[in-house]
């Protein structure tokens, strides 16, 4: 598990892929089928997927906020700070 609480196997999942998997988990949980252990594991995976999506959205927001426009209308992007 990475330091941000997202499992290593999710690091390469794109936002859309993670959201699709999360939606599938929610649908299956809403149906209430299966045993309790499976439901608990699915809920845990869903929580991790939610966190992964939130982190990706926060990163995208930071990128958008780094875009600026000069008086001429030309767009420029400030480098993201890493750390």
PDB file of N, CA and C in Angstrom:
ATOM      1  N   UNK A   1       0.856  -1.177   0.000  1.00  0.00           N
ATOM      2  CA  UNK A   1       0.000   0.000   0.000  1.00  0.00           C
ATOM      3  C   UNK A   1       0.897   1.232   0.000  1.00  0.00           C
ATOM      4  N   UNK A   2       0.536   2.197  -0.827  1.00  0.00           N
ATOM      5  CA  UNK A   2       1.340   3.407  -0.908  1.00  0.00           C
ATOM      6  C   UNK A   2       1.068   4.299   0.298  1.00  0.00           C
ATOM      7  N   UNK A   3       1.868   5.338   0.421  1.00  0.00           N
ATOM      8  CA  UNK A   3       1.768   6.191   1.612  1.00  0.00           C
ATOM      9  C   UNK A   3       0.479   7.004   1.677  1.00  0.00           C
ATOM     10  N   UNK A   4      -0.229   7.170   0.545  1.00  0.00           N
ATOM     11  CA  UNK A   4      -1.465   7.945   0.563  1.00  0.00           C
ATOM     12  C   UNK A   4      -2.703   7.085   0.821  1.00  0.00           C
ATOM     13  N   UNK A   5      -2.507   5.808   1.160  1.00  0.00           N
ATOM     14  CA  UNK A   5      -3.614   4.936   1.500  1.00  0.00           C
ATOM     15  C   UNK A   5      -4.250   4.241   0.315  1.00  0.00           C
ATOM     16  N   UNK A   6      -3.675   4.406  -0.863  1.00  0.00           N
ATOM     17  CA  UNK A   6      -4.187   3.767  -2.060  1.00  0.00           C
ATOM     18  C   UNK A   6      -3.297   2.572  -2.371  1.00  0.00           C
ATOM     19  N   UNK A   7      -3.895   1.388  -2.571  1.00  0.00           N
ATOM     20  CA  UNK A   7      -3.088   0.203  -2.868  1.00  0.00           C
ATOM     21  C   UNK A   7      -2.251   0.391  -4.134  1.00  0.00           C
ATOM     22  N   UNK A   8      -1.114  -0.266  -4.155  1.00  0.00           N
ATOM     23  CA  UNK A   8      -0.205  -0.152  -5.290  1.00  0.00           C
ATOM     24  C   UNK A   8      -0.859  -0.576  -6.596  1.00  0.00           C
ATOM     25  N   UNK A   9      -1.785  -1.547  -6.545  1.00  0.00           N
ATOM     26  CA  UNK A   9      -2.417  -2.007  -7.779  1.00  0.00           C
ATOM     27  C   UNK A   9      -3.372  -0.980  -8.379  1.00  0.00           C
ATOM     28  N   UNK A  10      -3.666   0.088  -7.663  1.00  0.00           N
ATOM     29  CA  UNK A  10      -4.549   1.143  -8.172  1.00  0.00           C
ATOM     30  C   UNK A  10      -3.776   2.310  -8.763  1.00  0.00           C
ATOM     31  N   UNK A  11      -2.489   2.374  -8.507  1.00  0.00           N
ATOM     32  CA  UNK A  11      -1.719   3.537  -8.940  1.00  0.00           C
ATOM     33  C   UNK A  11      -1.822   3.800 -10.436  1.00  0.00           C
ATOM     34  N   UNK A  12      -1.936   2.751 -11.233  1.00  0.00           N
ATOM     35  CA  UNK A  12      -1.978   2.924 -12.678  1.00  0.00           C
ATOM     36  C   UNK A  12      -3.395   2.996 -13.236  1.00  0.00           C
ATOM     37  N   UNK A  13      -4.395   2.938 -12.372  1.00  0.00           N
ATOM     38  CA  UNK A  13      -5.779   3.061 -12.831  1.00  0.00           C
ATOM     39  C   UNK A  13      -6.083   4.510 -13.147  1.00  0.00           C
ATOM     40  N   UNK A  14      -6.642   4.742 -14.304  1.00  0.00           N
ATOM     41  CA  UNK A  14      -7.101   6.080 -14.643  1.00  0.00           C
ATOM     42  C   UNK A  14      -8.363   6.410 -13.868  1.00  0.00           C
ATOM     43  N   UNK A  15      -8.732   7.668 -13.865  1.00  0.00           N
ATOM     44  CA  UNK A  15      -9.913   8.107 -13.127  1.00  0.00           C
ATOM     45  C   UNK A  15     -11.162   7.363 -13.591  1.00  0.00           C
ATOM     46  N   UNK A  16     -11.358   7.302 -14.912  1.00  0.00           N
ATOM     47  CA  UNK A  16     -12.559   6.663 -15.449  1.00  0.00           C
ATOM     48  C   UNK A  16     -12.614   5.180 -15.097  1.00  0.00           C
ATOM     49  N   UNK A  17     -11.473   4.505 -15.157  1.00  0.00           N
ATOM     50  CA  UNK A  17     -11.431   3.080 -14.815  1.00  0.00           C
ATOM     51  C   UNK A  17     -11.762   2.860 -13.340  1.00  0.00           C
ATOM     52  N   UNK A  18     -11.187   3.687 -12.494  1.00  0.00           N
ATOM     53  CA  UNK A  18     -11.438   3.564 -11.056  1.00  0.00           C
ATOM     54  C   UNK A  18     -12.894   3.860 -10.732  1.00  0.00           C
ATOM     55  N   UNK A  19     -13.441   4.881 -11.364  1.00  0.00           N
ATOM     56  CA  UNK A  19     -14.835   5.242 -11.122  1.00  0.00           C
ATOM     57  C   UNK A  19     -15.776   4.141 -11.602  1.00  0.00           C
ATOM     58  N   UNK A  20     -15.460   3.542 -12.733  1.00  0.00           N
ATOM     59  CA  UNK A  20     -16.276   2.444 -13.257  1.00  0.00           C
ATOM     60  C   UNK A  20     -16.267   1.249 -12.297  1.00  0.00           C
ATOM     61  N   UNK A  21     -15.090   0.915 -11.782  1.00  0.00           N
ATOM     62  CA  UNK A  21     -15.004  -0.194 -10.824  1.00  0.00           C
ATOM     63  C   UNK A  21     -15.767   0.140  -9.551  1.00  0.00           C
ATOM     64  N   UNK A  22     -15.653   1.378  -9.091  1.00  0.00           N
ATOM     65  CA  UNK A  22     -16.369   1.809  -7.886  1.00  0.00           C
ATOM     66  C   UNK A  22     -17.882   1.715  -8.096  1.00  0.00           C
ATOM     67  N   UNK A  23     -18.357   2.155  -9.249  1.00  0.00           N
ATOM     68  CA  UNK A  23     -19.793   2.082  -9.539  1.00  0.00           C
ATOM     69  C   UNK A  23     -20.276   0.634  -9.560  1.00  0.00           C
ATOM     70  N   UNK A  24     -19.476  -0.262 -10.102  1.00  0.00           N
ATOM     71  CA  UNK A  24     -19.832  -1.689 -10.136  1.00  0.00           C
ATOM     72  C   UNK A  24     -19.937  -2.237  -8.712  1.00  0.00           C
ATOM     73  N   UNK A  25     -18.986  -1.865  -7.851  1.00  0.00           N
ATOM     74  CA  UNK A  25     -19.015  -2.310  -6.457  1.00  0.00           C
ATOM     75  C   UNK A  25     -20.276  -1.813  -5.765  1.00  0.00           C
ATOM     76  N   UNK A  26     -20.608  -0.537  -5.979  1.00  0.00           N
ATOM     77  CA  UNK A  26     -21.797   0.033  -5.346  1.00  0.00           C
ATOM     78  C   UNK A  26     -23.056  -0.695  -5.811  1.00  0.00           C
ATOM     79  N   UNK A  27     -23.164  -0.948  -7.113  1.00  0.00           N
ATOM     80  CA  UNK A  27     -24.335  -1.675  -7.635  1.00  0.00           C
ATOM     81  C   UNK A  27     -24.459  -3.053  -6.986  1.00  0.00           C
ATOM     82  N   UNK A  28     -23.338  -3.763  -6.898  1.00  0.00           N
ATOM     83  CA  UNK A  28     -23.363  -5.102  -6.295  1.00  0.00           C
ATOM     84  C   UNK A  28     -23.715  -5.047  -4.816  1.00  0.00           C
ATOM     85  N   UNK A  29     -23.208  -4.056  -4.111  1.00  0.00           N
ATOM     86  CA  UNK A  29     -23.550  -3.926  -2.688  1.00  0.00           C
ATOM     87  C   UNK A  29     -25.023  -3.585  -2.509  1.00  0.00           C
ATOM     88  N   UNK A  30     -25.551  -2.754  -3.402  1.00  0.00           N
ATOM     89  CA  UNK A  30     -26.968  -2.390  -3.314  1.00  0.00           C
ATOM     90  C   UNK A  30     -27.884  -3.599  -3.533  1.00  0.00           C
ATOM     91  N   UNK A  31     -27.428  -4.540  -4.341  1.00  0.00           N
ATOM     92  CA  UNK A  31     -28.226  -5.749  -4.582  1.00  0.00           C
ATOM     93  C   UNK A  31     -28.264  -6.646  -3.351  1.00  0.00           C
ATOM     94  N   UNK A  32     -27.259  -6.512  -2.488  1.00  0.00           N
ATOM     95  CA  UNK A  32     -27.234  -7.272  -1.250  1.00  0.00           C
ATOM     96  C   UNK A  32     -27.005  -8.758  -1.418  1.00  0.00           C
ATOM     97  N   UNK A  33     -26.458  -9.144  -2.539  1.00  0.00           N
ATOM     98  CA  UNK A  33     -26.194 -10.557  -2.778  1.00  0.00           C
ATOM     99  C   UNK A  33     -24.794 -10.907  -2.307  1.00  0.00           C
ATOM    100  N   UNK A  34     -24.571 -12.153  -1.987  1.00  0.00           N
ATOM    101  CA  UNK A  34     -23.261 -12.590  -1.541  1.00  0.00           C
ATOM    102  C   UNK A  34     -23.178 -12.631  -0.031  1.00  0.00           C
ATOM    103  N   UNK A  35     -22.026 -13.084   0.442  1.00  0.00           N
ATOM    104  CA  UNK A  35     -21.872 -13.213   1.886  1.00  0.00           C
ATOM    105  C   UNK A  35     -21.252 -11.953   2.498  1.00  0.00           C
ATOM    106  N   UNK A  36     -21.256 -11.912   3.792  1.00  0.00           N
ATOM    107  CA  UNK A  36     -20.786 -10.730   4.511  1.00  0.00           C
ATOM    108  C   UNK A  36     -19.310 -10.452   4.259  1.00  0.00           C
ATOM    109  N   UNK A  37     -18.483 -11.488   4.224  1.00  0.00           N
ATOM    110  CA  UNK A  37     -17.047 -11.285   3.986  1.00  0.00           C
ATOM    111  C   UNK A  37     -16.795 -10.634   2.629  1.00  0.00           C
ATOM    112  N   UNK A  38     -17.498 -11.112   1.605  1.00  0.00           N
ATOM    113  CA  UNK A  38     -17.350 -10.527   0.273  1.00  0.00           C
ATOM    114  C   UNK A  38     -17.807  -9.070   0.268  1.00  0.00           C
ATOM    115  N   UNK A  39     -18.891  -8.795   0.951  1.00  0.00           N
ATOM    116  CA  UNK A  39     -19.402  -7.427   1.020  1.00  0.00           C
ATOM    117  C   UNK A  39     -18.421  -6.507   1.738  1.00  0.00           C
ATOM    118  N   UNK A  40     -17.825  -6.992   2.810  1.00  0.00           N
ATOM    119  CA  UNK A  40     -16.851  -6.177   3.549  1.00  0.00           C
ATOM    120  C   UNK A  40     -15.614  -5.897   2.695  1.00  0.00           C
ATOM    121  N   UNK A  41     -15.134  -6.927   1.978  1.00  0.00           N
ATOM    122  CA  UNK A  41     -13.982  -6.737   1.096  1.00  0.00           C
ATOM    123  C   UNK A  41     -14.302  -5.761  -0.031  1.00  0.00           C
ATOM    124  N   UNK A  42     -15.504  -5.876  -0.587  1.00  0.00           N
ATOM    125  CA  UNK A  42     -15.924  -4.971  -1.656  1.00  0.00           C
ATOM    126  C   UNK A  42     -16.031  -3.543  -1.127  1.00  0.00           C
ATOM    127  N   UNK A  43     -16.563  -3.384   0.076  1.00  0.00           N
ATOM    128  CA  UNK A  43     -16.684  -2.049   0.676  1.00  0.00           C
ATOM    129  C   UNK A  43     -15.301  -1.433   0.878  1.00  0.00           C
ATOM    130  N   UNK A  44     -14.361  -2.225   1.373  1.00  0.00           N
ATOM    131  CA  UNK A  44     -13.003  -1.733   1.586  1.00  0.00           C
ATOM    132  C   UNK A  44     -12.367  -1.319   0.260  1.00  0.00           C
ATOM    133  N   UNK A  45     -12.521  -2.140  -0.762  1.00  0.00           N
ATOM    134  CA  UNK A  45     -11.985  -1.815  -2.089  1.00  0.00           C
ATOM    135  C   UNK A  45     -12.646  -0.536  -2.605  1.00  0.00           C
ATOM    136  N   UNK A  46     -13.937  -0.419  -2.398  1.00  0.00           N
ATOM    137  CA  UNK A  46     -14.660   0.780  -2.822  1.00  0.00           C
ATOM    138  C   UNK A  46     -14.144   2.031  -2.138  1.00  0.00           C
ATOM    139  N   UNK A  47     -13.860   1.937  -0.858  1.00  0.00           N
ATOM    140  CA  UNK A  47     -13.323   3.086  -0.123  1.00  0.00           C
ATOM    141  C   UNK A  47     -11.959   3.488  -0.673  1.00  0.00           C
ATOM    142  N   UNK A  48     -11.148   2.495  -1.029  1.00  0.00           N
ATOM    143  CA  UNK A  48      -9.833   2.785  -1.598  1.00  0.00           C
ATOM    144  C   UNK A  48      -9.961   3.415  -2.984  1.00  0.00           C
ATOM    145  N   UNK A  49     -10.905   2.918  -3.775  1.00  0.00           N
ATOM    146  CA  UNK A  49     -11.137   3.495  -5.100  1.00  0.00           C
ATOM    147  C   UNK A  49     -11.623   4.937  -4.985  1.00  0.00           C
ATOM    148  N   UNK A  50     -12.482   5.186  -4.016  1.00  0.00           N
ATOM    149  CA  UNK A  50     -12.983   6.552  -3.786  1.00  0.00           C
ATOM    150  C   UNK A  50     -11.822   7.477  -3.463  1.00  0.00           C
ATOM    151  N   UNK A  51     -10.935   7.042  -2.600  1.00  0.00           N
ATOM    152  CA  UNK A  51      -9.775   7.858  -2.234  1.00  0.00           C
ATOM    153  C   UNK A  51      -8.896   8.106  -3.456  1.00  0.00           C
ATOM    154  N   UNK A  52      -8.691   7.075  -4.260  1.00  0.00           N
ATOM    155  CA  UNK A  52      -7.887   7.199  -5.469  1.00  0.00           C
ATOM    156  C   UNK A  52      -8.498   8.248  -6.401  1.00  0.00           C
ATOM    157  N   UNK A  53      -9.802   8.191  -6.599  1.00  0.00           N
ATOM    158  CA  UNK A  53     -10.487   9.164  -7.457  1.00  0.00           C
ATOM    159  C   UNK A  53     -10.365  10.569  -6.885  1.00  0.00           C
ATOM    160  N   UNK A  54     -10.537  10.710  -5.576  1.00  0.00           N
ATOM    161  CA  UNK A  54     -10.414  12.024  -4.943  1.00  0.00           C
ATOM    162  C   UNK A  54      -9.014  12.603  -5.131  1.00  0.00           C
ATOM    163  N   UNK A  55      -7.992  11.769  -4.998  1.00  0.00           N
ATOM    164  CA  UNK A  55      -6.621  12.233  -5.188  1.00  0.00           C
ATOM    165  C   UNK A  55      -6.379  12.666  -6.629  1.00  0.00           C
ATOM    166  N   UNK A  56      -6.924  11.918  -7.579  1.00  0.00           N
ATOM    167  CA  UNK A  56      -6.758  12.287  -8.984  1.00  0.00           C
ATOM    168  C   UNK A  56      -7.473  13.594  -9.293  1.00  0.00           C
ATOM    169  N   UNK A  57      -8.645  13.788  -8.732  1.00  0.00           N
ATOM    170  CA  UNK A  57      -9.370  15.044  -8.929  1.00  0.00           C
ATOM    171  C   UNK A  57      -8.625  16.222  -8.317  1.00  0.00           C
ATOM    172  N   UNK A  58      -8.058  16.020  -7.151  1.00  0.00           N
ATOM    173  CA  UNK A  58      -7.289  17.089  -6.500  1.00  0.00           C
ATOM    174  C   UNK A  58      -6.066  17.460  -7.336  1.00  0.00           C
ATOM    175  N   UNK A  59      -5.415  16.448  -7.909  1.00  0.00           N
ATOM    176  CA  UNK A  59      -4.259  16.709  -8.759  1.00  0.00           C
ATOM    177  C   UNK A  59      -4.674  17.482 -10.010  1.00  0.00           C
ATOM    178  N   UNK A  60      -5.787  17.088 -10.605  1.00  0.00           N
ATOM    179  CA  UNK A  60      -6.278  17.790 -11.792  1.00  0.00           C
ATOM    180  C   UNK A  60      -6.633  19.229 -11.462  1.00  0.00           C
ATOM    181  N   UNK A  61      -7.242  19.446 -10.312  1.00  0.00           N
ATOM    182  CA  UNK A  61      -7.602  20.804  -9.886  1.00  0.00           C
ATOM    183  C   UNK A  61      -6.348  21.652  -9.717  1.00  0.00           C
ATOM    184  N   UNK A  62      -5.315  21.080  -9.131  1.00  0.00           N
ATOM    185  CA  UNK A  62      -4.060  21.801  -8.951  1.00  0.00           C
ATOM    186  C   UNK A  62      -3.471  22.186 -10.297  1.00  0.00           C
ATOM    187  N   UNK A  63      -3.523  21.271 -11.253  1.00  0.00           N
ATOM    188  CA  UNK A  63      -3.010  21.567 -12.585  1.00  0.00           C
ATOM    189  C   UNK A  63      -3.771  22.717 -13.229  1.00  0.00           C
ATOM    190  N   UNK A  64      -5.096  22.671 -13.128  1.00  0.00           N
ATOM    191  CA  UNK A  64      -5.919  23.724 -13.719  1.00  0.00           C
ATOM    192  C   UNK A  64      -5.619  25.059 -13.062  1.00  0.00           C
ATOM    193  N   UNK A  65      -5.433  25.048 -11.753  1.00  0.00           N
ATOM    194  CA  UNK A  65      -5.147  26.293 -11.044  1.00  0.00           C
ATOM    195  C   UNK A  65      -3.787  26.870 -11.416  1.00  0.00           C
ATOM    196  N   UNK A  66      -2.896  26.055 -11.956  1.00  0.00           N
ATOM    197  CA  UNK A  66      -1.570  26.519 -12.357  1.00  0.00           C
ATOM    198  C   UNK A  66      -1.587  27.181 -13.733  1.00  0.00           C
ATOM    199  N   UNK A  67      -2.698  27.052 -14.465  1.00  0.00           N
ATOM    200  CA  UNK A  67      -2.801  27.678 -15.783  1.00  0.00           C
ATOM    201  C   UNK A  67      -3.091  29.162 -15.588  1.00  0.00           C
ATOM    202  N   UNK A  68      -2.338  29.983 -16.277  1.00  0.00           N
ATOM    203  CA  UNK A  68      -2.570  31.418 -16.198  1.00  0.00           C
ATOM    204  C   UNK A  68      -2.565  32.004 -17.604  1.00  0.00           C
ATOM    205  N   UNK A  69      -3.121  33.173 -17.734  1.00  0.00           N
ATOM    206  CA  UNK A  69      -3.207  33.835 -19.029  1.00  0.00           C
ATOM    207  C   UNK A  69      -2.509  35.185 -18.960  1.00  0.00           C
ATOM    208  N   UNK A  70      -1.701  35.456 -19.962  1.00  0.00           N
ATOM    209  CA  UNK A  70      -1.033  36.750 -20.074  1.00  0.00           C
ATOM    210  C   UNK A  70      -2.031  37.759 -20.617  1.00  0.00           C
ATOM    211  N   UNK A  71      -1.688  39.032 -20.541  1.00  0.00           N
ATOM    212  CA  UNK A  71      -2.565  40.077 -21.074  1.00  0.00           C
ATOM    213  C   UNK A  71      -2.864  39.855 -22.551  1.00  0.00           C
ATOM    214  N   UNK A  72      -1.941  39.241 -23.253  1.00  0.00           N
ATOM    215  CA  UNK A  72      -2.140  38.969 -24.681  1.00  0.00           C
ATOM    216  C   UNK A  72      -3.122  37.822 -24.917  1.00  0.00           C
ATOM    217  N   UNK A  73      -3.478  37.102 -23.865  1.00  0.00           N
ATOM    218  CA  UNK A  73      -4.390  35.972 -23.986  1.00  0.00           C
ATOM    219  C   UNK A  73      -3.684  34.635 -24.100  1.00  0.00           C
ATOM    220  N   UNK A  74      -2.362  34.661 -24.168  1.00  0.00           N
ATOM    221  CA  UNK A  74      -1.600  33.422 -24.268  1.00  0.00           C
ATOM    222  C   UNK A  74      -1.629  32.683 -22.934  1.00  0.00           C
ATOM    223  N   UNK A  75      -1.856  31.399 -23.013  1.00  0.00           N
ATOM    224  CA  UNK A  75      -1.901  30.574 -21.803  1.00  0.00           C
ATOM    225  C   UNK A  75      -0.500  30.081 -21.475  1.00  0.00           C
ATOM    226  N   UNK A  76      -0.224  30.005 -20.190  1.00  0.00           N
ATOM    227  CA  UNK A  76       1.018  29.403 -19.737  1.00  0.00           C
ATOM    228  C   UNK A  76       0.722  28.567 -18.506  1.00  0.00           C
ATOM    229  N   UNK A  77       1.588  27.624 -18.240  1.00  0.00           N
ATOM    230  CA  UNK A  77       1.396  26.733 -17.107  1.00  0.00           C
ATOM    231  C   UNK A  77       2.632  26.812 -16.230  1.00  0.00           C
ATOM    232  N   UNK A  78       2.392  27.055 -14.950  1.00  0.00           N
ATOM    233  CA  UNK A  78       3.494  27.042 -13.994  1.00  0.00           C
ATOM    234  C   UNK A  78       3.801  25.603 -13.656  1.00  0.00           C
ATOM    235  N   UNK A  79       5.071  25.271 -13.453  1.00  0.00           N
ATOM    236  CA  UNK A  79       5.402  23.891 -13.080  1.00  0.00           C
ATOM    237  C   UNK A  79       4.763  23.527 -11.743  1.00  0.00           C
ATOM    238  N   UNK A  80       4.289  22.278 -11.650  1.00  0.00           N
ATOM    239  CA  UNK A  80       3.724  21.805 -10.392  1.00  0.00           C
ATOM    240  C   UNK A  80       4.837  21.568  -9.399  1.00  0.00           C
ATOM    241  N   UNK A  81       4.565  21.912  -8.172  1.00  0.00           N
ATOM    242  CA  UNK A  81       5.521  21.633  -7.120  1.00  0.00           C
ATOM    243  C   UNK A  81       5.385  20.175  -6.724  1.00  0.00           C
ATOM    244  N   UNK A  82       6.492  19.492  -6.588  1.00  0.00           N
ATOM    245  CA  UNK A  82       6.467  18.108  -6.129  1.00  0.00           C
ATOM    246  C   UNK A  82       7.180  18.039  -4.808  1.00  0.00           C
ATOM    247  N   UNK A  83       6.765  17.074  -4.027  1.00  0.00           N
ATOM    248  CA  UNK A  83       7.446  17.006  -2.758  1.00  0.00           C
ATOM    249  C   UNK A  83       6.914  16.030  -1.821  1.00  0.00           C
TER     250      UNK A  83
END
